[in-house]
Amino acid sequence: MVDEETITTRYRNASLRGKIDIILNYYPGFEEMLQGLRELLCINIEADKMQRRRRELGDPGVRIRKSGYADPTADTAVERIMLLDAIETGNLDQEVKNTECPEEYRMEAVTIARMKEDYLVVKACMKILPCEKAHLLENYYACKMNAEMIKGQDYFNPSFYTKIYRIRRQVRDTAEKTLQSKYGRQTWKKDR
């Protein structure tokens, strides 16, 4: 795995408020980012397995057919689907058995699963906002507010950003109260 700090490493090491801020900062594309992280983890595990298999068997450079059934494309597709399913369900024991660093892969998968759970909490907190606030925040995070859409309205003044800050703080506080039961009060107190 890569030594540089990835989004999952930052998330894993972040305080409770930091986790919520990461979700809010990446909010518009957070679900797509999670899917990308799962796919990258899958690619890393597959590459690790392949590298280990080549090292153990020796790579003669020539492909040898070992069985009567040879459909490497279907085998690869089935392995990928099973691996993605294992990442999604958190049951990676069988899938990472033949890798160099199975604990790192498990930790990465757990972090991605927690990111998804926490994202759903933040999303729910946004849904319980009053309609006007929820709509304003959704549009702000989804980057739907461009100059033509809001023409004639004075959105880009300091009071607009103050509104967004207050709404975001309300969402953060509500999510924090919800997530403190998940992560425990120690983490929550550390953030204050």
N, C-alpha and C. Protein backbone atom coordinates (compact mmCIF):
# COMPACT_ATOMS: atom_id res chain seq x y z
N MET A 1 0.85 -1.17 0.00
CA MET A 1 0.00 0.00 0.00
C MET A 1 0.89 1.24 0.00
N VAL A 2 0.33 2.36 -0.34
CA VAL A 2 1.06 3.60 -0.48
C VAL A 2 1.34 4.19 0.90
N ASP A 3 2.53 4.76 1.08
CA ASP A 3 2.91 5.32 2.37
C ASP A 3 2.35 6.72 2.60
N GLU A 4 2.05 7.46 1.52
CA GLU A 4 1.54 8.81 1.69
C GLU A 4 0.16 8.79 2.33
N GLU A 5 -0.21 9.90 2.93
CA GLU A 5 -1.48 9.96 3.65
C GLU A 5 -2.64 10.06 2.65
N THR A 6 -3.48 9.06 2.66
CA THR A 6 -4.63 9.03 1.78
C THR A 6 -5.84 9.60 2.51
N ILE A 7 -6.93 9.75 1.80
CA ILE A 7 -8.16 10.26 2.43
C ILE A 7 -8.61 9.31 3.54
N THR A 8 -8.43 8.00 3.34
CA THR A 8 -8.85 7.05 4.38
C THR A 8 -7.95 7.15 5.60
N THR A 9 -6.66 7.39 5.41
CA THR A 9 -5.76 7.56 6.55
C THR A 9 -6.10 8.83 7.31
N ARG A 10 -6.34 9.91 6.57
CA ARG A 10 -6.73 11.16 7.24
C ARG A 10 -8.03 10.97 8.00
N TYR A 11 -8.98 10.25 7.41
CA TYR A 11 -10.27 10.02 8.05
C TYR A 11 -10.09 9.17 9.30
N ARG A 12 -9.31 8.13 9.20
CA ARG A 12 -9.09 7.22 10.33
C ARG A 12 -8.45 7.96 11.51
N ASN A 13 -7.53 8.88 11.21
CA ASN A 13 -6.81 9.60 12.26
C ASN A 13 -7.51 10.87 12.72
N ALA A 14 -8.59 11.25 12.06
CA ALA A 14 -9.28 12.50 12.38
C ALA A 14 -10.12 12.37 13.64
N SER A 15 -10.31 13.51 14.28
CA SER A 15 -11.22 13.57 15.42
C SER A 15 -12.65 13.45 14.88
N LEU A 16 -13.60 13.38 15.77
CA LEU A 16 -15.00 13.26 15.36
C LEU A 16 -15.42 14.45 14.50
N ARG A 17 -15.08 15.66 14.94
CA ARG A 17 -15.39 16.85 14.14
C ARG A 17 -14.64 16.82 12.82
N GLY A 18 -13.42 16.33 12.86
CA GLY A 18 -12.63 16.23 11.63
C GLY A 18 -13.27 15.29 10.62
N LYS A 19 -13.81 14.17 11.12
CA LYS A 19 -14.50 13.22 10.25
C LYS A 19 -15.71 13.88 9.59
N ILE A 20 -16.48 14.61 10.39
CA ILE A 20 -17.67 15.28 9.86
C ILE A 20 -17.26 16.35 8.86
N ASP A 21 -16.21 17.08 9.15
CA ASP A 21 -15.73 18.11 8.22
C ASP A 21 -15.26 17.50 6.90
N ILE A 22 -14.59 16.35 6.96
CA ILE A 22 -14.17 15.67 5.73
C ILE A 22 -15.40 15.31 4.91
N ILE A 23 -16.42 14.77 5.55
CA ILE A 23 -17.65 14.41 4.84
C ILE A 23 -18.29 15.66 4.22
N LEU A 24 -18.38 16.73 4.99
CA LEU A 24 -19.00 17.95 4.47
C LEU A 24 -18.17 18.57 3.34
N ASN A 25 -16.87 18.50 3.43
CA ASN A 25 -16.02 19.07 2.38
C ASN A 25 -16.11 18.28 1.08
N TYR A 26 -16.30 16.98 1.18
CA TYR A 26 -16.40 16.12 0.00
C TYR A 26 -17.85 15.75 -0.32
N TYR A 27 -18.80 16.38 0.32
CA TYR A 27 -20.20 15.96 0.30
C TYR A 27 -20.78 15.69 -1.09
N PRO A 28 -20.64 16.60 -2.06
CA PRO A 28 -21.32 16.34 -3.34
C PRO A 28 -20.92 15.03 -4.02
N GLY A 29 -19.67 14.64 -3.91
CA GLY A 29 -19.23 13.42 -4.58
C GLY A 29 -18.78 12.34 -3.62
N PHE A 30 -19.28 12.37 -2.39
CA PHE A 30 -18.78 11.46 -1.37
C PHE A 30 -19.11 10.00 -1.71
N GLU A 31 -20.30 9.74 -2.19
CA GLU A 31 -20.67 8.35 -2.51
C GLU A 31 -19.81 7.81 -3.65
N GLU A 32 -19.56 8.65 -4.65
CA GLU A 32 -18.70 8.23 -5.77
C GLU A 32 -17.27 8.01 -5.29
N MET A 33 -16.82 8.88 -4.36
CA MET A 33 -15.48 8.72 -3.81
C MET A 33 -15.37 7.39 -3.06
N LEU A 34 -16.40 7.03 -2.29
CA LEU A 34 -16.38 5.75 -1.57
C LEU A 34 -16.32 4.58 -2.55
N GLN A 35 -17.08 4.67 -3.62
CA GLN A 35 -17.05 3.61 -4.63
C GLN A 35 -15.65 3.51 -5.25
N GLY A 36 -15.05 4.67 -5.53
CA GLY A 36 -13.70 4.67 -6.06
C GLY A 36 -12.69 4.08 -5.09
N LEU A 37 -12.84 4.39 -3.81
CA LEU A 37 -11.95 3.83 -2.80
C LEU A 37 -12.08 2.31 -2.71
N ARG A 38 -13.32 1.80 -2.80
CA ARG A 38 -13.53 0.35 -2.79
C ARG A 38 -12.87 -0.29 -4.01
N GLU A 39 -13.02 0.34 -5.18
CA GLU A 39 -12.43 -0.22 -6.40
C GLU A 39 -10.90 -0.18 -6.34
N LEU A 40 -10.33 0.91 -5.81
CA LEU A 40 -8.87 0.98 -5.66
C LEU A 40 -8.36 -0.07 -4.69
N LEU A 41 -9.08 -0.29 -3.61
CA LEU A 41 -8.70 -1.34 -2.66
C LEU A 41 -8.73 -2.70 -3.35
N CYS A 42 -9.75 -2.92 -4.14
CA CYS A 42 -9.87 -4.17 -4.89
C CYS A 42 -8.68 -4.34 -5.84
N ILE A 43 -8.32 -3.29 -6.55
CA ILE A 43 -7.19 -3.35 -7.48
C ILE A 43 -5.89 -3.62 -6.72
N ASN A 44 -5.71 -2.98 -5.58
CA ASN A 44 -4.50 -3.20 -4.78
C ASN A 44 -4.40 -4.63 -4.28
N ILE A 45 -5.52 -5.18 -3.83
CA ILE A 45 -5.52 -6.57 -3.34
C ILE A 45 -5.24 -7.53 -4.49
N GLU A 46 -5.86 -7.31 -5.64
CA GLU A 46 -5.62 -8.17 -6.80
C GLU A 46 -4.15 -8.11 -7.23
N ALA A 47 -3.58 -6.92 -7.27
CA ALA A 47 -2.18 -6.77 -7.67
C ALA A 47 -1.26 -7.46 -6.66
N ASP A 48 -1.57 -7.33 -5.38
CA ASP A 48 -0.77 -7.96 -4.34
C ASP A 48 -0.81 -9.49 -4.50
N LYS A 49 -2.02 -10.03 -4.72
CA LYS A 49 -2.15 -11.48 -4.90
C LYS A 49 -1.36 -11.95 -6.12
N MET A 50 -1.48 -11.21 -7.22
CA MET A 50 -0.81 -11.58 -8.46
C MET A 50 0.71 -11.54 -8.27
N GLN A 51 1.20 -10.50 -7.62
CA GLN A 51 2.63 -10.37 -7.39
C GLN A 51 3.14 -11.52 -6.51
N ARG A 52 2.40 -11.85 -5.49
CA ARG A 52 2.82 -12.95 -4.60
C ARG A 52 2.78 -14.28 -5.34
N ARG A 53 1.73 -14.49 -6.13
CA ARG A 53 1.60 -15.74 -6.90
C ARG A 53 2.77 -15.89 -7.87
N ARG A 54 3.13 -14.80 -8.55
CA ARG A 54 4.25 -14.86 -9.49
C ARG A 54 5.56 -15.15 -8.77
N ARG A 55 5.74 -14.53 -7.63
CA ARG A 55 6.97 -14.71 -6.87
C ARG A 55 7.08 -16.16 -6.37
N GLU A 56 5.97 -16.75 -5.92
CA GLU A 56 6.00 -18.12 -5.41
C GLU A 56 6.19 -19.15 -6.52
N LEU A 57 5.52 -18.92 -7.65
CA LEU A 57 5.59 -19.89 -8.75
C LEU A 57 6.77 -19.62 -9.68
N GLY A 58 7.27 -18.43 -9.62
CA GLY A 58 8.28 -18.04 -10.59
C GLY A 58 7.55 -17.63 -11.86
N ASP A 59 7.96 -16.58 -12.46
CA ASP A 59 7.27 -16.09 -13.66
C ASP A 59 8.10 -16.47 -14.88
N PRO A 60 7.73 -17.59 -15.54
CA PRO A 60 8.52 -18.04 -16.68
C PRO A 60 8.33 -17.16 -17.92
N GLY A 61 7.33 -16.28 -17.90
CA GLY A 61 7.10 -15.43 -19.05
C GLY A 61 6.21 -16.10 -20.09
N VAL A 62 5.91 -17.37 -19.90
CA VAL A 62 5.07 -18.11 -20.82
C VAL A 62 3.82 -18.54 -20.07
N ARG A 63 2.68 -18.32 -20.68
CA ARG A 63 1.43 -18.73 -20.05
C ARG A 63 1.21 -20.22 -20.30
N ILE A 64 0.91 -20.93 -19.25
CA ILE A 64 0.67 -22.37 -19.35
C ILE A 64 -0.75 -22.65 -18.90
N ARG A 65 -1.48 -23.35 -19.71
CA ARG A 65 -2.85 -23.71 -19.37
C ARG A 65 -2.82 -24.88 -18.40
N LYS A 66 -3.42 -24.67 -17.23
CA LYS A 66 -3.32 -25.68 -16.17
C LYS A 66 -4.56 -26.56 -16.04
N SER A 67 -5.66 -26.17 -16.67
CA SER A 67 -6.87 -26.98 -16.53
C SER A 67 -7.56 -27.10 -17.88
N GLY A 68 -8.59 -27.90 -17.92
CA GLY A 68 -9.35 -28.07 -19.15
C GLY A 68 -10.23 -26.87 -19.45
N TYR A 69 -10.55 -26.09 -18.45
CA TYR A 69 -11.42 -24.94 -18.62
C TYR A 69 -10.57 -23.68 -18.56
N ALA A 70 -10.58 -22.92 -19.62
CA ALA A 70 -9.76 -21.71 -19.63
C ALA A 70 -10.60 -20.53 -20.09
N ASP A 71 -11.07 -19.76 -19.14
CA ASP A 71 -11.77 -18.52 -19.44
C ASP A 71 -11.27 -17.47 -18.46
N PRO A 72 -10.07 -16.95 -18.70
CA PRO A 72 -9.47 -16.04 -17.73
C PRO A 72 -10.28 -14.76 -17.53
N THR A 73 -10.98 -14.32 -18.55
CA THR A 73 -11.79 -13.11 -18.42
C THR A 73 -12.92 -13.32 -17.43
N ALA A 74 -13.62 -14.43 -17.56
CA ALA A 74 -14.72 -14.72 -16.64
C ALA A 74 -14.19 -14.96 -15.23
N ASP A 75 -13.07 -15.68 -15.11
CA ASP A 75 -12.48 -15.92 -13.80
C ASP A 75 -12.11 -14.60 -13.12
N THR A 76 -11.50 -13.70 -13.88
CA THR A 76 -11.11 -12.40 -13.34
C THR A 76 -12.33 -11.61 -12.91
N ALA A 77 -13.37 -11.63 -13.73
CA ALA A 77 -14.60 -10.88 -13.41
C ALA A 77 -15.26 -11.44 -12.14
N VAL A 78 -15.32 -12.74 -12.04
CA VAL A 78 -15.93 -13.37 -10.86
C VAL A 78 -15.11 -13.05 -9.61
N GLU A 79 -13.79 -13.13 -9.72
CA GLU A 79 -12.93 -12.81 -8.58
C GLU A 79 -13.11 -11.35 -8.16
N ARG A 80 -13.22 -10.45 -9.13
CA ARG A 80 -13.40 -9.03 -8.83
C ARG A 80 -14.73 -8.80 -8.12
N ILE A 81 -15.80 -9.42 -8.60
CA ILE A 81 -17.12 -9.26 -7.98
C ILE A 81 -17.10 -9.81 -6.56
N MET A 82 -16.49 -10.97 -6.38
CA MET A 82 -16.42 -11.56 -5.03
C MET A 82 -15.60 -10.67 -4.09
N LEU A 83 -14.52 -10.09 -4.61
CA LEU A 83 -13.68 -9.22 -3.80
C LEU A 83 -14.42 -7.93 -3.43
N LEU A 84 -15.11 -7.31 -4.38
CA LEU A 84 -15.89 -6.11 -4.09
C LEU A 84 -17.00 -6.40 -3.08
N ASP A 85 -17.62 -7.56 -3.21
CA ASP A 85 -18.65 -7.97 -2.25
C ASP A 85 -18.05 -8.16 -0.86
N ALA A 86 -16.88 -8.77 -0.81
CA ALA A 86 -16.20 -8.98 0.48
C ALA A 86 -15.82 -7.64 1.12
N ILE A 87 -15.39 -6.69 0.31
CA ILE A 87 -15.06 -5.36 0.83
C ILE A 87 -16.32 -4.69 1.36
N GLU A 88 -17.41 -4.80 0.62
CA GLU A 88 -18.69 -4.19 1.02
C GLU A 88 -19.22 -4.78 2.32
N THR A 89 -19.11 -6.10 2.46
CA THR A 89 -19.65 -6.75 3.66
C THR A 89 -18.65 -6.78 4.82
N GLY A 90 -17.38 -6.51 4.53
CA GLY A 90 -16.37 -6.52 5.57
C GLY A 90 -15.82 -7.90 5.88
N ASN A 91 -16.17 -8.88 5.07
CA ASN A 91 -15.71 -10.26 5.28
C ASN A 91 -14.53 -10.53 4.34
N LEU A 92 -13.37 -9.99 4.68
CA LEU A 92 -12.20 -10.07 3.81
C LEU A 92 -11.24 -11.22 4.15
N ASP A 93 -11.54 -12.00 5.15
CA ASP A 93 -10.59 -13.02 5.61
C ASP A 93 -10.11 -13.93 4.48
N GLN A 94 -11.03 -14.47 3.71
CA GLN A 94 -10.66 -15.37 2.63
C GLN A 94 -9.96 -14.64 1.50
N GLU A 95 -10.40 -13.42 1.21
CA GLU A 95 -9.88 -12.68 0.06
C GLU A 95 -8.46 -12.16 0.26
N VAL A 96 -8.09 -11.83 1.48
CA VAL A 96 -6.75 -11.26 1.72
C VAL A 96 -5.78 -12.30 2.28
N LYS A 97 -6.19 -13.55 2.27
CA LYS A 97 -5.38 -14.62 2.85
C LYS A 97 -4.01 -14.72 2.17
N ASN A 98 -3.95 -14.56 0.88
CA ASN A 98 -2.70 -14.72 0.14
C ASN A 98 -2.10 -13.38 -0.27
N THR A 99 -2.11 -12.42 0.63
CA THR A 99 -1.52 -11.12 0.35
C THR A 99 -0.38 -10.84 1.33
N GLU A 100 0.42 -9.85 0.99
CA GLU A 100 1.56 -9.48 1.83
C GLU A 100 1.14 -8.77 3.11
N CYS A 101 0.11 -7.93 3.03
CA CYS A 101 -0.29 -7.13 4.19
C CYS A 101 -1.80 -7.17 4.40
N PRO A 102 -2.32 -8.32 4.85
CA PRO A 102 -3.78 -8.46 5.00
C PRO A 102 -4.39 -7.50 6.02
N GLU A 103 -3.66 -7.19 7.08
CA GLU A 103 -4.21 -6.29 8.10
C GLU A 103 -4.42 -4.88 7.56
N GLU A 104 -3.52 -4.42 6.71
CA GLU A 104 -3.69 -3.10 6.11
C GLU A 104 -4.95 -3.07 5.25
N TYR A 105 -5.16 -4.13 4.49
CA TYR A 105 -6.35 -4.18 3.64
C TYR A 105 -7.63 -4.24 4.47
N ARG A 106 -7.60 -5.01 5.55
CA ARG A 106 -8.77 -5.07 6.44
C ARG A 106 -9.05 -3.71 7.06
N MET A 107 -8.00 -3.04 7.52
CA MET A 107 -8.16 -1.73 8.13
C MET A 107 -8.71 -0.72 7.12
N GLU A 108 -8.24 -0.78 5.90
CA GLU A 108 -8.74 0.10 4.83
C GLU A 108 -10.22 -0.16 4.57
N ALA A 109 -10.61 -1.42 4.50
CA ALA A 109 -12.01 -1.78 4.25
C ALA A 109 -12.90 -1.32 5.40
N VAL A 110 -12.43 -1.48 6.63
CA VAL A 110 -13.21 -1.04 7.80
C VAL A 110 -13.37 0.47 7.78
N THR A 111 -12.32 1.19 7.43
CA THR A 111 -12.40 2.65 7.36
C THR A 111 -13.39 3.09 6.30
N ILE A 112 -13.38 2.45 5.15
CA ILE A 112 -14.32 2.80 4.09
C ILE A 112 -15.76 2.53 4.55
N ALA A 113 -15.97 1.41 5.24
CA ALA A 113 -17.31 1.09 5.76
C ALA A 113 -17.76 2.14 6.78
N ARG A 114 -16.86 2.55 7.65
CA ARG A 114 -17.20 3.59 8.63
C ARG A 114 -17.49 4.93 7.96
N MET A 115 -16.73 5.23 6.92
CA MET A 115 -16.96 6.47 6.19
C MET A 115 -18.37 6.48 5.61
N LYS A 116 -18.80 5.33 5.08
CA LYS A 116 -20.13 5.23 4.51
C LYS A 116 -21.19 5.41 5.60
N GLU A 117 -21.02 4.74 6.73
CA GLU A 117 -21.98 4.87 7.83
C GLU A 117 -22.07 6.31 8.32
N ASP A 118 -20.93 6.95 8.48
CA ASP A 118 -20.91 8.33 8.96
C ASP A 118 -21.52 9.29 7.94
N TYR A 119 -21.28 9.02 6.67
CA TYR A 119 -21.88 9.82 5.61
C TYR A 119 -23.40 9.75 5.68
N LEU A 120 -23.93 8.56 5.92
CA LEU A 120 -25.38 8.40 6.02
C LEU A 120 -25.94 9.18 7.21
N VAL A 121 -25.18 9.24 8.30
CA VAL A 121 -25.60 10.03 9.47
C VAL A 121 -25.65 11.51 9.10
N VAL A 122 -24.60 12.02 8.47
CA VAL A 122 -24.56 13.44 8.08
C VAL A 122 -25.67 13.74 7.09
N LYS A 123 -25.89 12.85 6.16
CA LYS A 123 -26.97 13.04 5.18
C LYS A 123 -28.33 13.10 5.87
N ALA A 124 -28.54 12.24 6.85
CA ALA A 124 -29.80 12.25 7.61
C ALA A 124 -29.94 13.55 8.39
N CYS A 125 -28.85 14.04 8.94
CA CYS A 125 -28.89 15.31 9.68
C CYS A 125 -29.25 16.47 8.76
N MET A 126 -28.83 16.38 7.52
CA MET A 126 -29.19 17.42 6.55
C MET A 126 -30.67 17.34 6.19
N LYS A 127 -31.20 16.12 6.18
CA LYS A 127 -32.61 15.94 5.84
C LYS A 127 -33.55 16.48 6.91
N ILE A 128 -33.10 16.54 8.15
CA ILE A 128 -33.99 17.01 9.22
C ILE A 128 -33.93 18.53 9.40
N LEU A 129 -33.13 19.18 8.59
CA LEU A 129 -33.11 20.65 8.62
C LEU A 129 -34.43 21.19 8.10
N PRO A 130 -34.80 22.41 8.48
CA PRO A 130 -35.96 23.03 7.84
C PRO A 130 -35.74 23.11 6.32
N CYS A 131 -36.80 23.05 5.56
CA CYS A 131 -36.71 22.95 4.09
C CYS A 131 -35.82 24.02 3.47
N GLU A 132 -35.98 25.25 3.90
CA GLU A 132 -35.20 26.34 3.30
C GLU A 132 -33.71 26.14 3.53
N LYS A 133 -33.34 25.80 4.75
CA LYS A 133 -31.94 25.58 5.08
C LYS A 133 -31.38 24.37 4.34
N ALA A 134 -32.16 23.29 4.32
CA ALA A 134 -31.71 22.08 3.65
C ALA A 134 -31.50 22.33 2.16
N HIS A 135 -32.42 23.04 1.55
CA HIS A 135 -32.32 23.34 0.13
C HIS A 135 -31.10 24.22 -0.15
N LEU A 136 -30.90 25.23 0.66
CA LEU A 136 -29.76 26.13 0.48
C LEU A 136 -28.44 25.37 0.62
N LEU A 137 -28.34 24.54 1.64
CA LEU A 137 -27.11 23.79 1.86
C LEU A 137 -26.88 22.74 0.78
N GLU A 138 -27.92 22.03 0.40
CA GLU A 138 -27.79 21.04 -0.68
C GLU A 138 -27.29 21.71 -1.96
N ASN A 139 -27.89 22.84 -2.31
CA ASN A 139 -27.46 23.54 -3.52
C ASN A 139 -26.04 24.05 -3.39
N TYR A 140 -25.69 24.53 -2.24
CA TYR A 140 -24.33 25.03 -2.02
C TYR A 140 -23.32 23.90 -2.19
N TYR A 141 -23.57 22.76 -1.55
CA TYR A 141 -22.62 21.65 -1.64
C TYR A 141 -22.63 20.98 -3.00
N ALA A 142 -23.75 20.98 -3.65
CA ALA A 142 -23.83 20.37 -4.97
C ALA A 142 -23.33 21.31 -6.06
N CYS A 143 -22.89 22.48 -5.67
CA CYS A 143 -22.34 23.47 -6.60
C CYS A 143 -23.35 23.85 -7.68
N LYS A 144 -24.62 23.86 -7.33
CA LYS A 144 -25.66 24.21 -8.29
C LYS A 144 -25.89 25.71 -8.35
N MET A 145 -25.34 26.43 -7.38
CA MET A 145 -25.55 27.86 -7.34
C MET A 145 -24.48 28.55 -8.18
N ASN A 146 -24.80 28.81 -9.41
CA ASN A 146 -23.88 29.60 -10.21
C ASN A 146 -24.50 30.97 -10.42
N ALA A 147 -23.77 31.86 -11.01
CA ALA A 147 -24.21 33.26 -11.11
C ALA A 147 -25.53 33.40 -11.87
N GLU A 148 -25.77 32.60 -12.90
CA GLU A 148 -27.00 32.73 -13.69
C GLU A 148 -28.21 32.19 -12.96
N MET A 149 -28.02 31.11 -12.19
CA MET A 149 -29.13 30.52 -11.48
C MET A 149 -29.67 31.43 -10.39
N ILE A 150 -28.80 32.17 -9.79
CA ILE A 150 -29.22 33.02 -8.68
C ILE A 150 -29.18 34.50 -9.07
N LYS A 151 -29.27 34.75 -10.36
CA LYS A 151 -29.23 36.12 -10.86
C LYS A 151 -30.33 36.94 -10.18
N GLY A 152 -29.97 38.12 -9.76
CA GLY A 152 -30.93 38.99 -9.11
C GLY A 152 -31.02 38.78 -7.62
N GLN A 153 -30.38 37.73 -7.12
CA GLN A 153 -30.40 37.48 -5.69
C GLN A 153 -29.01 37.76 -5.13
N ASP A 154 -28.97 38.27 -3.96
CA ASP A 154 -27.71 38.70 -3.36
C ASP A 154 -27.12 37.58 -2.51
N TYR A 155 -26.71 36.48 -3.17
CA TYR A 155 -26.22 35.32 -2.43
C TYR A 155 -24.74 35.42 -2.06
N PHE A 156 -23.96 36.07 -2.87
CA PHE A 156 -22.53 36.04 -2.63
C PHE A 156 -22.03 37.21 -1.78
N ASN A 157 -22.79 37.58 -0.81
CA ASN A 157 -22.35 38.60 0.13
C ASN A 157 -21.98 37.91 1.44
N PRO A 158 -21.40 38.64 2.36
CA PRO A 158 -20.98 38.00 3.63
C PRO A 158 -22.12 37.32 4.39
N SER A 159 -23.34 37.84 4.28
CA SER A 159 -24.43 37.21 5.02
C SER A 159 -24.77 35.83 4.45
N PHE A 160 -24.57 35.64 3.14
CA PHE A 160 -24.78 34.33 2.53
C PHE A 160 -23.82 33.31 3.14
N TYR A 161 -22.54 33.66 3.20
CA TYR A 161 -21.56 32.74 3.74
C TYR A 161 -21.75 32.52 5.24
N THR A 162 -22.25 33.53 5.92
CA THR A 162 -22.57 33.38 7.34
C THR A 162 -23.71 32.38 7.51
N LYS A 163 -24.73 32.47 6.64
CA LYS A 163 -25.84 31.51 6.67
C LYS A 163 -25.34 30.09 6.45
N ILE A 164 -24.51 29.92 5.44
CA ILE A 164 -23.97 28.59 5.12
C ILE A 164 -23.15 28.08 6.31
N TYR A 165 -22.34 28.92 6.90
CA TYR A 165 -21.54 28.52 8.05
C TYR A 165 -22.44 28.06 9.20
N ARG A 166 -23.50 28.83 9.47
CA ARG A 166 -24.39 28.47 10.58
C ARG A 166 -25.15 27.18 10.31
N ILE A 167 -25.60 26.99 9.09
CA ILE A 167 -26.30 25.76 8.73
C ILE A 167 -25.34 24.57 8.84
N ARG A 168 -24.14 24.76 8.31
CA ARG A 168 -23.13 23.69 8.36
C ARG A 168 -22.80 23.35 9.82
N ARG A 169 -22.69 24.36 10.67
CA ARG A 169 -22.40 24.13 12.08
C ARG A 169 -23.55 23.36 12.73
N GLN A 170 -24.79 23.69 12.35
CA GLN A 170 -25.95 22.99 12.89
C GLN A 170 -25.91 21.51 12.50
N VAL A 171 -25.60 21.25 11.23
CA VAL A 171 -25.49 19.86 10.76
C VAL A 171 -24.35 19.16 11.50
N ARG A 172 -23.21 19.82 11.64
CA ARG A 172 -22.06 19.22 12.31
C ARG A 172 -22.39 18.88 13.76
N ASP A 173 -23.05 19.80 14.46
CA ASP A 173 -23.39 19.56 15.87
C ASP A 173 -24.38 18.41 16.02
N THR A 174 -25.38 18.36 15.14
CA THR A 174 -26.36 17.27 15.19
C THR A 174 -25.69 15.93 14.87
N ALA A 175 -24.86 15.92 13.84
CA ALA A 175 -24.15 14.68 13.47
C ALA A 175 -23.20 14.26 14.58
N GLU A 176 -22.56 15.22 15.20
CA GLU A 176 -21.62 14.91 16.28
C GLU A 176 -22.33 14.25 17.45
N LYS A 177 -23.50 14.75 17.79
CA LYS A 177 -24.26 14.15 18.88
C LYS A 177 -24.65 12.72 18.54
N THR A 178 -24.99 12.49 17.28
CA THR A 178 -25.38 11.15 16.85
C THR A 178 -24.17 10.21 16.82
N LEU A 179 -23.05 10.70 16.31
CA LEU A 179 -21.88 9.85 16.14
C LEU A 179 -21.12 9.59 17.44
N GLN A 180 -21.35 10.42 18.46
CA GLN A 180 -20.62 10.18 19.70
C GLN A 180 -21.00 8.85 20.34
N SER A 181 -22.21 8.39 20.11
CA SER A 181 -22.58 7.07 20.64
C SER A 181 -21.86 5.96 19.88
N LYS A 182 -21.57 6.20 18.60
CA LYS A 182 -20.87 5.20 17.80
C LYS A 182 -19.39 5.12 18.18
N TYR A 183 -18.75 6.25 18.30
CA TYR A 183 -17.32 6.28 18.57
C TYR A 183 -16.97 6.41 20.04
N GLY A 184 -17.95 6.73 20.86
CA GLY A 184 -17.71 6.86 22.29
C GLY A 184 -17.45 8.28 22.68
N ARG A 185 -17.67 8.56 23.93
CA ARG A 185 -17.57 9.94 24.43
C ARG A 185 -16.13 10.44 24.50
N GLN A 186 -15.15 9.56 24.65
CA GLN A 186 -13.77 10.02 24.73
C GLN A 186 -13.37 10.80 23.48
N THR A 187 -13.68 10.26 22.31
CA THR A 187 -13.35 10.93 21.06
C THR A 187 -14.08 12.26 20.98
N TRP A 188 -15.34 12.27 21.41
CA TRP A 188 -16.14 13.48 21.32
C TRP A 188 -15.56 14.57 22.22
N LYS A 189 -15.16 14.21 23.44
CA LYS A 189 -14.61 15.20 24.37
C LYS A 189 -13.28 15.74 23.87
N LYS A 190 -12.51 14.90 23.20
CA LYS A 190 -11.22 15.32 22.68
C LYS A 190 -11.38 16.43 21.64
N ASP A 191 -12.52 16.45 20.93
CA ASP A 191 -12.74 17.41 19.86
C ASP A 191 -13.09 18.79 20.38
N ARG A 192 -13.59 18.89 21.55
CA ARG A 192 -14.08 20.17 22.07
C ARG A 192 -12.98 21.12 22.38
